[in-house]
Each structure stands twice: as C-alpha cells, then as structure tokens.
Amino acid sequence: MCAFGSHILREGGRASFLLPPQKLSIVRGTTTRSDVIKLLGAPAGEAVYPVIKGLNDRALVYTYTQAKGSVFDMKFYSKTLMVLFNNEGVVTGVDFTTAGDK
C-alpha cells in the first residue's frame, strides 16, 4: 500500500519508510504504545536499558534502509525512529536519526 500524505509505506504490515517525528501524530505524555502500533504498524524491534536511559522504560524501534547504485558505487541510507515509553506504556520521547547518502 502506498499513499501520499501517509506517514509510512507499508509492505507486509511493517513500517518501511518513516517520516521525521514532528510530522507524525505522536504526543509525549498522551500517546500510548498501542496508539503508536496502530499508527506505524509492527516495529522492527524493541529496546531496553542500557540502550535507552530509563531502567524500567522500553522503546519501539522502526527502521528503514535503502541501498542503491552499482557494485562499484554503492550508496546506503538509513532512518531509525525510536519511540520511548514509561512503564505505563505512555510516550516519554522520540528519537529520529538518519545516516548515509540518499
């Protein structure tokens, strides 16, 4: 499924393309874990302490990776969205990183 104006491009029920968090409807202190999964689908993984700061906190991790070019001129680009939750399952923060060449 591909739709312009959508937050993600879904393939097989997984988030494969991510927009920066400021373009998503994720609100710290209000949005819940189930809200995030409804919005973005199943995460690529989860993170716990010490990857995230809070000892009892958790995070859902969404990733997108792209490789293009030829064997002799390969370019890689990746995006990672990490949505952090407290032990009640409410969003406490969002971390978005990009790396590589588009």
C-alpha atoms as a PDB file:
ATOM      1  CA  MET A   1       0.000   0.000   0.000  1.00  0.00           C
ATOM      2  CA  CYS A   2       1.397   3.398  -0.925  1.00  0.00           C
ATOM      3  CA  ALA A   3      -0.352   6.685  -0.260  1.00  0.00           C
ATOM      4  CA  PHE A   4       0.927  10.227  -0.490  1.00  0.00           C
ATOM      5  CA  GLY A   5       0.409  12.116   2.736  1.00  0.00           C
ATOM      6  CA  SER A   6       0.638   8.879   4.704  1.00  0.00           C
ATOM      7  CA  HIS A   7       3.252   8.546   7.421  1.00  0.00           C
ATOM      8  CA  ILE A   8       4.695   5.345   6.057  1.00  0.00           C
ATOM      9  CA  LEU A   9       4.755   2.994   3.139  1.00  0.00           C
ATOM     10  CA  ARG A  10       3.533  -0.386   4.362  1.00  0.00           C
ATOM     11  CA  GLU A  11       4.874  -3.606   2.950  1.00  0.00           C
ATOM     12  CA  GLY A  12       3.775  -6.835   4.569  1.00  0.00           C
ATOM     13  CA  GLY A  13       2.405  -4.973   7.596  1.00  0.00           C
ATOM     14  CA  ARG A  14       5.778  -3.428   8.500  1.00  0.00           C
ATOM     15  CA  ALA A  15       6.802   0.208   8.522  1.00  0.00           C
ATOM     16  CA  SER A  16       9.333   0.517   5.709  1.00  0.00           C
ATOM     17  CA  PHE A  17       9.509   4.285   5.214  1.00  0.00           C
ATOM     18  CA  LEU A  18       9.494   6.766   8.061  1.00  0.00           C
ATOM     19  CA  LEU A  19       8.888  10.496   8.229  1.00  0.00           C
ATOM     20  CA  PRO A  20      10.537  12.667  10.900  1.00  0.00           C
ATOM     21  CA  PRO A  21       8.658  12.503  14.237  1.00  0.00           C
ATOM     22  CA  GLN A  22       7.457  16.120  14.026  1.00  0.00           C
ATOM     23  CA  LYS A  23       5.292  15.030  11.061  1.00  0.00           C
ATOM     24  CA  LEU A  24       3.755  12.136  12.992  1.00  0.00           C
ATOM     25  CA  SER A  25       0.860  12.333  15.460  1.00  0.00           C
ATOM     26  CA  ILE A  26       2.909  11.208  18.464  1.00  0.00           C
ATOM     27  CA  VAL A  27       2.417  13.376  21.571  1.00  0.00           C
ATOM     28  CA  ARG A  28       4.649  12.955  24.620  1.00  0.00           C
ATOM     29  CA  GLY A  29       2.618  12.261  27.753  1.00  0.00           C
ATOM     30  CA  THR A  30      -0.545  11.378  25.797  1.00  0.00           C
ATOM     31  CA  THR A  31       0.128   8.835  23.025  1.00  0.00           C
ATOM     32  CA  THR A  32       0.225   5.203  24.147  1.00  0.00           C
ATOM     33  CA  ARG A  33       2.140   2.178  22.904  1.00  0.00           C
ATOM     34  CA  SER A  34      -0.996   0.789  21.218  1.00  0.00           C
ATOM     35  CA  ASP A  35      -1.578   4.177  19.524  1.00  0.00           C
ATOM     36  CA  VAL A  36       1.936   4.056  18.045  1.00  0.00           C
ATOM     37  CA  ILE A  37       1.471   0.499  16.772  1.00  0.00           C
ATOM     38  CA  LYS A  38      -1.868   1.480  15.186  1.00  0.00           C
ATOM     39  CA  LEU A  39      -0.156   4.457  13.522  1.00  0.00           C
ATOM     40  CA  LEU A  40       3.056   2.775  12.337  1.00  0.00           C
ATOM     41  CA  GLY A  41       2.356  -0.950  12.406  1.00  0.00           C
ATOM     42  CA  ALA A  42       4.576  -3.603  13.937  1.00  0.00           C
ATOM     43  CA  PRO A  43       8.032  -2.336  14.968  1.00  0.00           C
ATOM     44  CA  ALA A  44      11.297  -3.796  13.676  1.00  0.00           C
ATOM     45  CA  GLY A  45      12.297  -4.369  17.299  1.00  0.00           C
ATOM     46  CA  GLU A  46      12.303  -3.134  20.876  1.00  0.00           C
ATOM     47  CA  ALA A  47      14.971  -1.574  23.076  1.00  0.00           C
ATOM     48  CA  VAL A  48      15.513  -1.583  26.847  1.00  0.00           C
ATOM     49  CA  TYR A  49      18.098  -0.233  29.288  1.00  0.00           C
ATOM     50  CA  PRO A  50      21.039   0.408  28.716  1.00  0.00           C
ATOM     51  CA  VAL A  51      20.182   1.266  25.081  1.00  0.00           C
ATOM     52  CA  ILE A  52      17.624   3.726  26.484  1.00  0.00           C
ATOM     53  CA  LYS A  53      18.062   5.776  29.670  1.00  0.00           C
ATOM     54  CA  GLY A  54      15.195   4.617  31.888  1.00  0.00           C
ATOM     55  CA  LEU A  55      15.834   1.406  33.800  1.00  0.00           C
ATOM     56  CA  ASN A  56      12.155   0.366  33.584  1.00  0.00           C
ATOM     57  CA  ASP A  57      11.394   2.045  30.243  1.00  0.00           C
ATOM     58  CA  ARG A  58      11.060   0.442  26.803  1.00  0.00           C
ATOM     59  CA  ALA A  59      11.194   1.668  23.218  1.00  0.00           C
ATOM     60  CA  LEU A  60       9.718   0.558  19.920  1.00  0.00           C
ATOM     61  CA  VAL A  61      12.237   0.738  17.080  1.00  0.00           C
ATOM     62  CA  TYR A  62      11.282   1.367  13.447  1.00  0.00           C
ATOM     63  CA  THR A  63      13.931   1.282  10.728  1.00  0.00           C
ATOM     64  CA  TYR A  64      14.223   1.964   7.017  1.00  0.00           C
ATOM     65  CA  THR A  65      17.309   1.086   4.968  1.00  0.00           C
ATOM     66  CA  GLN A  66      17.986   1.798   1.313  1.00  0.00           C
ATOM     67  CA  ALA A  67      20.864   0.658  -0.889  1.00  0.00           C
ATOM     68  CA  LYS A  68      21.309   1.835  -4.445  1.00  0.00           C
ATOM     69  CA  GLY A  69      23.965   2.101  -7.095  1.00  0.00           C
ATOM     70  CA  SER A  70      26.254  -0.342  -8.765  1.00  0.00           C
ATOM     71  CA  VAL A  71      28.648  -2.847  -7.261  1.00  0.00           C
ATOM     72  CA  PHE A  72      31.460  -0.309  -7.597  1.00  0.00           C
ATOM     73  CA  ASP A  73      29.465   2.728  -6.439  1.00  0.00           C
ATOM     74  CA  MET A  74      27.010   1.548  -3.772  1.00  0.00           C
ATOM     75  CA  LYS A  75      25.248   4.143  -1.598  1.00  0.00           C
ATOM     76  CA  PHE A  76      23.455   3.349   1.656  1.00  0.00           C
ATOM     77  CA  TYR A  77      20.878   5.423   3.519  1.00  0.00           C
ATOM     78  CA  SER A  78      19.015   4.581   6.726  1.00  0.00           C
ATOM     79  CA  LYS A  79      16.440   6.086   9.082  1.00  0.00           C
ATOM     80  CA  THR A  80      15.721   4.950  12.624  1.00  0.00           C
ATOM     81  CA  LEU A  81      12.743   6.038  14.711  1.00  0.00           C
ATOM     82  CA  MET A  82      12.810   5.076  18.382  1.00  0.00           C
ATOM     83  CA  VAL A  83       9.628   5.805  20.385  1.00  0.00           C
ATOM     84  CA  LEU A  84      10.265   5.675  24.147  1.00  0.00           C
ATOM     85  CA  PHE A  85       7.654   4.668  26.737  1.00  0.00           C
ATOM     86  CA  ASN A  86       7.445   4.692  30.532  1.00  0.00           C
ATOM     87  CA  ASN A  87       6.357   1.585  32.450  1.00  0.00           C
ATOM     88  CA  GLU A  88       2.684   2.600  31.976  1.00  0.00           C
ATOM     89  CA  GLY A  89       3.083   2.493  28.174  1.00  0.00           C
ATOM     90  CA  VAL A  90       2.838   6.266  27.608  1.00  0.00           C
ATOM     91  CA  VAL A  91       5.262   8.034  25.239  1.00  0.00           C
ATOM     92  CA  THR A  92       8.080   9.865  27.032  1.00  0.00           C
ATOM     93  CA  GLY A  93      10.164  10.767  23.990  1.00  0.00           C
ATOM     94  CA  VAL A  94      11.020  10.183  20.355  1.00  0.00           C
ATOM     95  CA  ASP A  95      14.463   9.816  18.769  1.00  0.00           C
ATOM     96  CA  PHE A  96      14.923  10.033  14.980  1.00  0.00           C
ATOM     97  CA  THR A  97      18.255   9.564  13.218  1.00  0.00           C
ATOM     98  CA  THR A  98      19.400   9.338   9.615  1.00  0.00           C
ATOM     99  CA  ALA A  99      22.703   8.157   8.188  1.00  0.00           C
ATOM    100  CA  GLY A 100      24.325   7.779   4.802  1.00  0.00           C
ATOM    101  CA  ASP A 101      23.656   9.185   1.332  1.00  0.00           C
ATOM    102  CA  LYS A 102      20.234   9.289  -0.310  1.00  0.00           C
END
